Amino acid sequence: SLLGGQRVVLQHFANVLADRAYQPDLSPGELDVLRLIVDGLSNKDIAARLDVGEATVKTHVAHILGKLGVEDRTQAALAAVTRGIIAPR
């Protein structure tokens, strides 16, 4: 039925808005790392760019994944852009 289709569409938009409204409490360092993940940099390259150790980057990545509720870097990058946390360049 048409009404059933409207519900699906409305639910989809409600989910999109909810995702965008959810802004995790990322630290400035985590945001820096997330921006560079979105840019496609490796942990090694992120560490060099930010002048920190690779272990620090790995810690930030683990925190980012947990705070965003995702399982990997690709999902983190996608969530960051779709939720409006990081603007794509």
PDB file of N, CA and C in Angstrom:
ATOM      1  N   SER A   1       0.837  -1.195   0.000  1.00  0.00           N
ATOM      2  CA  SER A   1       0.000   0.000   0.000  1.00  0.00           C
ATOM      3  C   SER A   1       0.876   1.250   0.000  1.00  0.00           C
ATOM      4  N   LEU A   2       0.295   2.334  -0.426  1.00  0.00           N
ATOM      5  CA  LEU A   2       1.021   3.601  -0.477  1.00  0.00           C
ATOM      6  C   LEU A   2       1.432   4.046   0.911  1.00  0.00           C
ATOM      7  N   LEU A   3       0.544   3.901   1.870  1.00  0.00           N
ATOM      8  CA  LEU A   3       0.856   4.325   3.234  1.00  0.00           C
ATOM      9  C   LEU A   3       2.046   3.543   3.783  1.00  0.00           C
ATOM     10  N   GLY A   4       2.089   2.251   3.495  1.00  0.00           N
ATOM     11  CA  GLY A   4       3.215   1.444   3.938  1.00  0.00           C
ATOM     12  C   GLY A   4       4.530   1.947   3.356  1.00  0.00           C
ATOM     13  N   GLY A   5       4.516   2.338   2.095  1.00  0.00           N
ATOM     14  CA  GLY A   5       5.704   2.884   1.458  1.00  0.00           C
ATOM     15  C   GLY A   5       6.123   4.196   2.076  1.00  0.00           C
ATOM     16  N   GLN A   6       5.157   5.018   2.440  1.00  0.00           N
ATOM     17  CA  GLN A   6       5.472   6.298   3.082  1.00  0.00           C
ATOM     18  C   GLN A   6       6.152   6.074   4.423  1.00  0.00           C
ATOM     19  N   ARG A   7       5.679   5.083   5.156  1.00  0.00           N
ATOM     20  CA  ARG A   7       6.288   4.793   6.459  1.00  0.00           C
ATOM     21  C   ARG A   7       7.757   4.413   6.307  1.00  0.00           C
ATOM     22  N   VAL A   8       8.061   3.608   5.305  1.00  0.00           N
ATOM     23  CA  VAL A   8       9.437   3.188   5.076  1.00  0.00           C
ATOM     24  C   VAL A   8      10.303   4.397   4.754  1.00  0.00           C
ATOM     25  N   VAL A   9       9.814   5.255   3.877  1.00  0.00           N
ATOM     26  CA  VAL A   9      10.568   6.448   3.490  1.00  0.00           C
ATOM     27  C   VAL A   9      10.744   7.366   4.695  1.00  0.00           C
ATOM     28  N   LEU A  10       9.699   7.594   5.447  1.00  0.00           N
ATOM     29  CA  LEU A  10       9.782   8.470   6.618  1.00  0.00           C
ATOM     30  C   LEU A  10      10.737   7.894   7.653  1.00  0.00           C
ATOM     31  N   GLN A  11      10.703   6.587   7.856  1.00  0.00           N
ATOM     32  CA  GLN A  11      11.613   5.960   8.810  1.00  0.00           C
ATOM     33  C   GLN A  11      13.059   6.120   8.352  1.00  0.00           C
ATOM     34  N   HIS A  12      13.285   5.974   7.044  1.00  0.00           N
ATOM     35  CA  HIS A  12      14.634   6.153   6.503  1.00  0.00           C
ATOM     36  C   HIS A  12      15.141   7.561   6.817  1.00  0.00           C
ATOM     37  N   PHE A  13      14.323   8.580   6.561  1.00  0.00           N
ATOM     38  CA  PHE A  13      14.750   9.952   6.826  1.00  0.00           C
ATOM     39  C   PHE A  13      14.919  10.208   8.315  1.00  0.00           C
ATOM     40  N   ALA A  14      14.085   9.604   9.131  1.00  0.00           N
ATOM     41  CA  ALA A  14      14.245   9.737  10.582  1.00  0.00           C
ATOM     42  C   ALA A  14      15.576   9.143  11.022  1.00  0.00           C
ATOM     43  N   ASN A  15      15.950   7.999  10.450  1.00  0.00           N
ATOM     44  CA  ASN A  15      17.233   7.372  10.781  1.00  0.00           C
ATOM     45  C   ASN A  15      18.400   8.242  10.341  1.00  0.00           C
ATOM     46  N   VAL A  16      18.313   8.819   9.144  1.00  0.00           N
ATOM     47  CA  VAL A  16      19.381   9.690   8.641  1.00  0.00           C
ATOM     48  C   VAL A  16      19.543  10.897   9.559  1.00  0.00           C
ATOM     49  N   LEU A  17      18.431  11.512   9.929  1.00  0.00           N
ATOM     50  CA  LEU A  17      18.497  12.686  10.814  1.00  0.00           C
ATOM     51  C   LEU A  17      19.037  12.312  12.188  1.00  0.00           C
ATOM     52  N   ALA A  18      18.666  11.163  12.687  1.00  0.00           N
ATOM     53  CA  ALA A  18      19.166  10.728  13.992  1.00  0.00           C
ATOM     54  C   ALA A  18      20.667  10.514  13.941  1.00  0.00           C
ATOM     55  N   ASP A  19      21.152   9.908  12.862  1.00  0.00           N
ATOM     56  CA  ASP A  19      22.597   9.714  12.695  1.00  0.00           C
ATOM     57  C   ASP A  19      23.316  11.050  12.660  1.00  0.00           C
ATOM     58  N   ARG A  20      22.761  12.002  11.942  1.00  0.00           N
ATOM     59  CA  ARG A  20      23.418  13.302  11.824  1.00  0.00           C
ATOM     60  C   ARG A  20      23.335  14.085  13.126  1.00  0.00           C
ATOM     61  N   ALA A  21      22.287  13.886  13.893  1.00  0.00           N
ATOM     62  CA  ALA A  21      22.132  14.614  15.153  1.00  0.00           C
ATOM     63  C   ALA A  21      23.095  14.089  16.210  1.00  0.00           C
ATOM     64  N   TYR A  22      23.480  12.828  16.098  1.00  0.00           N
ATOM     65  CA  TYR A  22      24.371  12.225  17.086  1.00  0.00           C
ATOM     66  C   TYR A  22      25.799  12.657  16.822  1.00  0.00           C
ATOM     67  N   GLN A  23      26.298  13.507  17.670  1.00  0.00           N
ATOM     68  CA  GLN A  23      27.678  13.974  17.557  1.00  0.00           C
ATOM     69  C   GLN A  23      28.454  13.424  18.745  1.00  0.00           C
ATOM     70  N   PRO A  24      29.311  12.454  18.518  1.00  0.00           N
ATOM     71  CA  PRO A  24      30.063  11.874  19.630  1.00  0.00           C
ATOM     72  C   PRO A  24      31.029  12.892  20.221  1.00  0.00           C
ATOM     73  N   ASP A  25      31.389  12.677  21.453  1.00  0.00           N
ATOM     74  CA  ASP A  25      32.287  13.573  22.165  1.00  0.00           C
ATOM     75  C   ASP A  25      33.732  13.187  21.852  1.00  0.00           C
ATOM     76  N   LEU A  26      34.200  13.623  20.693  1.00  0.00           N
ATOM     77  CA  LEU A  26      35.563  13.315  20.268  1.00  0.00           C
ATOM     78  C   LEU A  26      36.509  14.410  20.753  1.00  0.00           C
ATOM     79  N   SER A  27      37.668  13.998  21.234  1.00  0.00           N
ATOM     80  CA  SER A  27      38.684  14.957  21.673  1.00  0.00           C
ATOM     81  C   SER A  27      39.277  15.655  20.444  1.00  0.00           C
ATOM     82  N   PRO A  28      39.952  16.782  20.648  1.00  0.00           N
ATOM     83  CA  PRO A  28      40.603  17.441  19.512  1.00  0.00           C
ATOM     84  C   PRO A  28      41.592  16.511  18.787  1.00  0.00           C
ATOM     85  N   GLY A  29      42.345  15.715  19.520  1.00  0.00           N
ATOM     86  CA  GLY A  29      43.278  14.776  18.892  1.00  0.00           C
ATOM     87  C   GLY A  29      42.559  13.719  18.086  1.00  0.00           C
ATOM     88  N   GLU A  30      41.442  13.211  18.614  1.00  0.00           N
ATOM     89  CA  GLU A  30      40.648  12.217  17.893  1.00  0.00           C
ATOM     90  C   GLU A  30      40.074  12.824  16.614  1.00  0.00           C
ATOM     91  N   LEU A  31      39.625  14.070  16.683  1.00  0.00           N
ATOM     92  CA  LEU A  31      39.101  14.733  15.490  1.00  0.00           C
ATOM     93  C   LEU A  31      40.189  14.906  14.435  1.00  0.00           C
ATOM     94  N   ASP A  32      41.392  15.262  14.871  1.00  0.00           N
ATOM     95  CA  ASP A  32      42.506  15.387  13.930  1.00  0.00           C
ATOM     96  C   ASP A  32      42.765  14.053  13.229  1.00  0.00           C
ATOM     97  N   VAL A  33      42.805  12.981  14.010  1.00  0.00           N
ATOM     98  CA  VAL A  33      43.035  11.647  13.439  1.00  0.00           C
ATOM     99  C   VAL A  33      41.885  11.272  12.507  1.00  0.00           C
ATOM    100  N   LEU A  34      40.663  11.531  12.921  1.00  0.00           N
ATOM    101  CA  LEU A  34      39.508  11.183  12.093  1.00  0.00           C
ATOM    102  C   LEU A  34      39.533  11.935  10.765  1.00  0.00           C
ATOM    103  N   ARG A  35      39.910  13.204  10.778  1.00  0.00           N
ATOM    104  CA  ARG A  35      40.015  13.963   9.524  1.00  0.00           C
ATOM    105  C   ARG A  35      41.005  13.291   8.569  1.00  0.00           C
ATOM    106  N   LEU A  36      42.111  12.831   9.120  1.00  0.00           N
ATOM    107  CA  LEU A  36      43.138  12.204   8.283  1.00  0.00           C
ATOM    108  C   LEU A  36      42.731  10.802   7.840  1.00  0.00           C
ATOM    109  N   ILE A  37      41.927  10.114   8.654  1.00  0.00           N
ATOM    110  CA  ILE A  37      41.356   8.829   8.226  1.00  0.00           C
ATOM    111  C   ILE A  37      40.443   9.073   7.027  1.00  0.00           C
ATOM    112  N   VAL A  38      39.606  10.112   7.127  1.00  0.00           N
ATOM    113  CA  VAL A  38      38.710  10.458   6.016  1.00  0.00           C
ATOM    114  C   VAL A  38      39.527  10.766   4.760  1.00  0.00           C
ATOM    115  N   ASP A  39      40.701  11.378   4.933  1.00  0.00           N
ATOM    116  CA  ASP A  39      41.579  11.684   3.801  1.00  0.00           C
ATOM    117  C   ASP A  39      42.295  10.447   3.264  1.00  0.00           C
ATOM    118  N   GLY A  40      42.163   9.308   3.967  1.00  0.00           N
ATOM    119  CA  GLY A  40      42.732   8.052   3.480  1.00  0.00           C
ATOM    120  C   GLY A  40      44.142   7.753   3.953  1.00  0.00           C
ATOM    121  N   LEU A  41      44.637   8.469   4.955  1.00  0.00           N
ATOM    122  CA  LEU A  41      45.995   8.236   5.429  1.00  0.00           C
ATOM    123  C   LEU A  41      46.080   7.001   6.328  1.00  0.00           C
ATOM    124  N   SER A  42      47.230   6.338   6.306  1.00  0.00           N
ATOM    125  CA  SER A  42      47.500   5.199   7.181  1.00  0.00           C
ATOM    126  C   SER A  42      47.881   5.710   8.566  1.00  0.00           C
ATOM    127  N   ASN A  43      47.888   4.814   9.545  1.00  0.00           N
ATOM    128  CA  ASN A  43      48.316   5.204  10.895  1.00  0.00           C
ATOM    129  C   ASN A  43      49.720   5.797  10.882  1.00  0.00           C
ATOM    130  N   LYS A  44      50.613   5.170  10.116  1.00  0.00           N
ATOM    131  CA  LYS A  44      51.991   5.656  10.036  1.00  0.00           C
ATOM    132  C   LYS A  44      52.036   7.079   9.479  1.00  0.00           C
ATOM    133  N   ASP A  45      51.280   7.323   8.406  1.00  0.00           N
ATOM    134  CA  ASP A  45      51.245   8.654   7.801  1.00  0.00           C
ATOM    135  C   ASP A  45      50.578   9.677   8.728  1.00  0.00           C
ATOM    136  N   ILE A  46      49.529   9.250   9.443  1.00  0.00           N
ATOM    137  CA  ILE A  46      48.863  10.142  10.405  1.00  0.00           C
ATOM    138  C   ILE A  46      49.839  10.523  11.508  1.00  0.00           C
ATOM    139  N   ALA A  47      50.578   9.544  12.016  1.00  0.00           N
ATOM    140  CA  ALA A  47      51.552   9.804  13.080  1.00  0.00           C
ATOM    141  C   ALA A  47      52.587  10.825  12.617  1.00  0.00           C
ATOM    142  N   ALA A  48      53.093  10.655  11.393  1.00  0.00           N
ATOM    143  CA  ALA A  48      54.085  11.587  10.859  1.00  0.00           C
ATOM    144  C   ALA A  48      53.489  12.978  10.687  1.00  0.00           C
ATOM    145  N   ARG A  49      52.286  13.041  10.161  1.00  0.00           N
ATOM    146  CA  ARG A  49      51.630  14.329   9.916  1.00  0.00           C
ATOM    147  C   ARG A  49      51.379  15.085  11.218  1.00  0.00           C
ATOM    148  N   LEU A  50      50.957  14.344  12.265  1.00  0.00           N
ATOM    149  CA  LEU A  50      50.620  14.991  13.542  1.00  0.00           C
ATOM    150  C   LEU A  50      51.802  15.049  14.508  1.00  0.00           C
ATOM    151  N   ASP A  51      52.930  14.483  14.094  1.00  0.00           N
ATOM    152  CA  ASP A  51      54.137  14.455  14.921  1.00  0.00           C
ATOM    153  C   ASP A  51      53.875  13.790  16.280  1.00  0.00           C
ATOM    154  N   VAL A  52      53.239  12.615  16.206  1.00  0.00           N
ATOM    155  CA  VAL A  52      52.984  11.789  17.391  1.00  0.00           C
ATOM    156  C   VAL A  52      53.411  10.365  17.059  1.00  0.00           C
ATOM    157  N   GLY A  53      53.447   9.516  18.061  1.00  0.00           N
ATOM    158  CA  GLY A  53      53.799   8.121  17.835  1.00  0.00           C
ATOM    159  C   GLY A  53      52.654   7.344  17.217  1.00  0.00           C
ATOM    160  N   GLU A  54      53.020   6.261  16.544  1.00  0.00           N
ATOM    161  CA  GLU A  54      51.998   5.405  15.947  1.00  0.00           C
ATOM    162  C   GLU A  54      51.086   4.801  17.013  1.00  0.00           C
ATOM    163  N   ALA A  55      51.641   4.527  18.195  1.00  0.00           N
ATOM    164  CA  ALA A  55      50.823   3.980  19.292  1.00  0.00           C
ATOM    165  C   ALA A  55      49.738   4.971  19.697  1.00  0.00           C
ATOM    166  N   THR A  56      50.071   6.259  19.686  1.00  0.00           N
ATOM    167  CA  THR A  56      49.077   7.299  20.012  1.00  0.00           C
ATOM    168  C   THR A  56      47.968   7.298  18.975  1.00  0.00           C
ATOM    169  N   VAL A  57      48.330   7.179  17.717  1.00  0.00           N
ATOM    170  CA  VAL A  57      47.323   7.143  16.646  1.00  0.00           C
ATOM    171  C   VAL A  57      46.427   5.920  16.828  1.00  0.00           C
ATOM    172  N   LYS A  58      47.041   4.763  17.119  1.00  0.00           N
ATOM    173  CA  LYS A  58      46.248   3.544  17.310  1.00  0.00           C
ATOM    174  C   LYS A  58      45.267   3.698  18.469  1.00  0.00           C
ATOM    175  N   THR A  59      45.699   4.347  19.539  1.00  0.00           N
ATOM    176  CA  THR A  59      44.808   4.594  20.679  1.00  0.00           C
ATOM    177  C   THR A  59      43.649   5.491  20.263  1.00  0.00           C
ATOM    178  N   HIS A  60      43.962   6.567  19.531  1.00  0.00           N
ATOM    179  CA  HIS A  60      42.904   7.467  19.046  1.00  0.00           C
ATOM    180  C   HIS A  60      41.930   6.716  18.145  1.00  0.00           C
ATOM    181  N   VAL A  61      42.453   5.885  17.242  1.00  0.00           N
ATOM    182  CA  VAL A  61      41.584   5.133  16.328  1.00  0.00           C
ATOM    183  C   VAL A  61      40.652   4.223  17.122  1.00  0.00           C
ATOM    184  N   ALA A  62      41.174   3.537  18.128  1.00  0.00           N
ATOM    185  CA  ALA A  62      40.332   2.657  18.949  1.00  0.00           C
ATOM    186  C   ALA A  62      39.223   3.450  19.634  1.00  0.00           C
ATOM    187  N   HIS A  63      39.559   4.619  20.165  1.00  0.00           N
ATOM    188  CA  HIS A  63      38.547   5.468  20.818  1.00  0.00           C
ATOM    189  C   HIS A  63      37.512   5.963  19.810  1.00  0.00           C
ATOM    190  N   ILE A  64      37.972   6.350  18.628  1.00  0.00           N
ATOM    191  CA  ILE A  64      37.064   6.826  17.580  1.00  0.00           C
ATOM    192  C   ILE A  64      36.074   5.731  17.197  1.00  0.00           C
ATOM    193  N   LEU A  65      36.571   4.519  16.965  1.00  0.00           N
ATOM    194  CA  LEU A  65      35.690   3.412  16.583  1.00  0.00           C
ATOM    195  C   LEU A  65      34.630   3.173  17.650  1.00  0.00           C
ATOM    196  N   GLY A  66      35.063   3.183  18.915  1.00  0.00           N
ATOM    197  CA  GLY A  66      34.114   2.972  20.004  1.00  0.00           C
ATOM    198  C   GLY A  66      33.078   4.079  20.101  1.00  0.00           C
ATOM    199  N   LYS A  67      33.528   5.315  20.005  1.00  0.00           N
ATOM    200  CA  LYS A  67      32.610   6.450  20.134  1.00  0.00           C
ATOM    201  C   LYS A  67      31.637   6.548  18.971  1.00  0.00           C
ATOM    202  N   LEU A  68      32.088   6.160  17.778  1.00  0.00           N
ATOM    203  CA  LEU A  68      31.199   6.192  16.617  1.00  0.00           C
ATOM    204  C   LEU A  68      30.343   4.929  16.520  1.00  0.00           C
ATOM    205  N   GLY A  69      30.700   3.893  17.276  1.00  0.00           N
ATOM    206  CA  GLY A  69      29.949   2.641  17.226  1.00  0.00           C
ATOM    207  C   GLY A  69      30.144   1.906  15.915  1.00  0.00           C
ATOM    208  N   VAL A  70      31.375   1.943  15.394  1.00  0.00           N
ATOM    209  CA  VAL A  70      31.680   1.274  14.130  1.00  0.00           C
ATOM    210  C   VAL A  70      32.811   0.279  14.352  1.00  0.00           C
ATOM    211  N   GLU A  71      33.051  -0.564  13.342  1.00  0.00           N
ATOM    212  CA  GLU A  71      34.011  -1.649  13.510  1.00  0.00           C
ATOM    213  C   GLU A  71      35.355  -1.430  12.836  1.00  0.00           C
ATOM    214  N   ASP A  72      35.413  -0.511  11.865  1.00  0.00           N
ATOM    215  CA  ASP A  72      36.695  -0.313  11.183  1.00  0.00           C
ATOM    216  C   ASP A  72      36.826   1.119  10.688  1.00  0.00           C
ATOM    217  N   ARG A  73      38.009   1.409  10.129  1.00  0.00           N
ATOM    218  CA  ARG A  73      38.336   2.758   9.668  1.00  0.00           C
ATOM    219  C   ARG A  73      37.422   3.223   8.541  1.00  0.00           C
ATOM    220  N   THR A  74      37.075   2.308   7.645  1.00  0.00           N
ATOM    221  CA  THR A  74      36.196   2.670   6.529  1.00  0.00           C
ATOM    222  C   THR A  74      34.838   3.099   7.047  1.00  0.00           C
ATOM    223  N   GLN A  75      34.291   2.328   7.988  1.00  0.00           N
ATOM    224  CA  GLN A  75      33.010   2.692   8.580  1.00  0.00           C
ATOM    225  C   GLN A  75      33.114   4.007   9.348  1.00  0.00           C
ATOM    226  N   ALA A  76      34.247   4.232  10.009  1.00  0.00           N
ATOM    227  CA  ALA A  76      34.457   5.482  10.746  1.00  0.00           C
ATOM    228  C   ALA A  76      34.451   6.666   9.791  1.00  0.00           C
ATOM    229  N   ALA A  77      35.155   6.534   8.667  1.00  0.00           N
ATOM    230  CA  ALA A  77      35.196   7.616   7.683  1.00  0.00           C
ATOM    231  C   ALA A  77      33.804   7.897   7.123  1.00  0.00           C
ATOM    232  N   LEU A  78      33.080   6.840   6.795  1.00  0.00           N
ATOM    233  CA  LEU A  78      31.727   6.997   6.265  1.00  0.00           C
ATOM    234  C   LEU A  78      30.814   7.661   7.295  1.00  0.00           C
ATOM    235  N   ALA A  79      30.882   7.194   8.539  1.00  0.00           N
ATOM    236  CA  ALA A  79      30.056   7.781   9.600  1.00  0.00           C
ATOM    237  C   ALA A  79      30.416   9.245   9.822  1.00  0.00           C
ATOM    238  N   ALA A  80      31.698   9.557   9.793  1.00  0.00           N
ATOM    239  CA  ALA A  80      32.143  10.932  10.025  1.00  0.00           C
ATOM    240  C   ALA A  80      31.565  11.889   8.990  1.00  0.00           C
ATOM    241  N   VAL A  81      31.543  11.449   7.743  1.00  0.00           N
ATOM    242  CA  VAL A  81      31.038  12.311   6.675  1.00  0.00           C
ATOM    243  C   VAL A  81      29.512  12.342   6.675  1.00  0.00           C
ATOM    244  N   THR A  82      28.859  11.182   6.777  1.00  0.00           N
ATOM    245  CA  THR A  82      27.395  11.159   6.706  1.00  0.00           C
ATOM    246  C   THR A  82      26.749  11.824   7.907  1.00  0.00           C
ATOM    247  N   ARG A  83      27.412  11.787   9.049  1.00  0.00           N
ATOM    248  CA  ARG A  83      26.868  12.433  10.261  1.00  0.00           C
ATOM    249  C   ARG A  83      27.259  13.897  10.349  1.00  0.00           C
ATOM    250  N   GLY A  84      28.045  14.359   9.402  1.00  0.00           N
ATOM    251  CA  GLY A  84      28.428  15.761   9.405  1.00  0.00           C
ATOM    252  C   GLY A  84      29.494  16.123  10.415  1.00  0.00           C
ATOM    253  N   ILE A  85      30.216  15.117  10.916  1.00  0.00           N
ATOM    254  CA  ILE A  85      31.289  15.370  11.899  1.00  0.00           C
ATOM    255  C   ILE A  85      32.493  15.964  11.189  1.00  0.00           C
ATOM    256  N   ILE A  86      32.802  15.414  10.015  1.00  0.00           N
ATOM    257  CA  ILE A  86      33.923  15.871   9.199  1.00  0.00           C
ATOM    258  C   ILE A  86      33.368  16.194   7.808  1.00  0.00           C
ATOM    259  N   ALA A  87      33.698  17.374   7.307  1.00  0.00           N
ATOM    260  CA  ALA A  87      33.271  17.739   5.949  1.00  0.00           C
ATOM    261  C   ALA A  87      34.224  17.082   4.952  1.00  0.00           C
ATOM    262  N   PRO A  88      33.683  16.456   3.924  1.00  0.00           N
ATOM    263  CA  PRO A  88      34.565  15.876   2.912  1.00  0.00           C
ATOM    264  C   PRO A  88      35.299  16.985   2.166  1.00  0.00           C
ATOM    265  N   ARG A  89      36.526  16.697   1.748  1.00  0.00           N
ATOM    266  CA  ARG A  89      37.320  17.712   1.029  1.00  0.00           C
ATOM    267  C   ARG A  89      37.307  17.449  -0.448  1.00  0.00           C
TER     268      ARG A  89
END
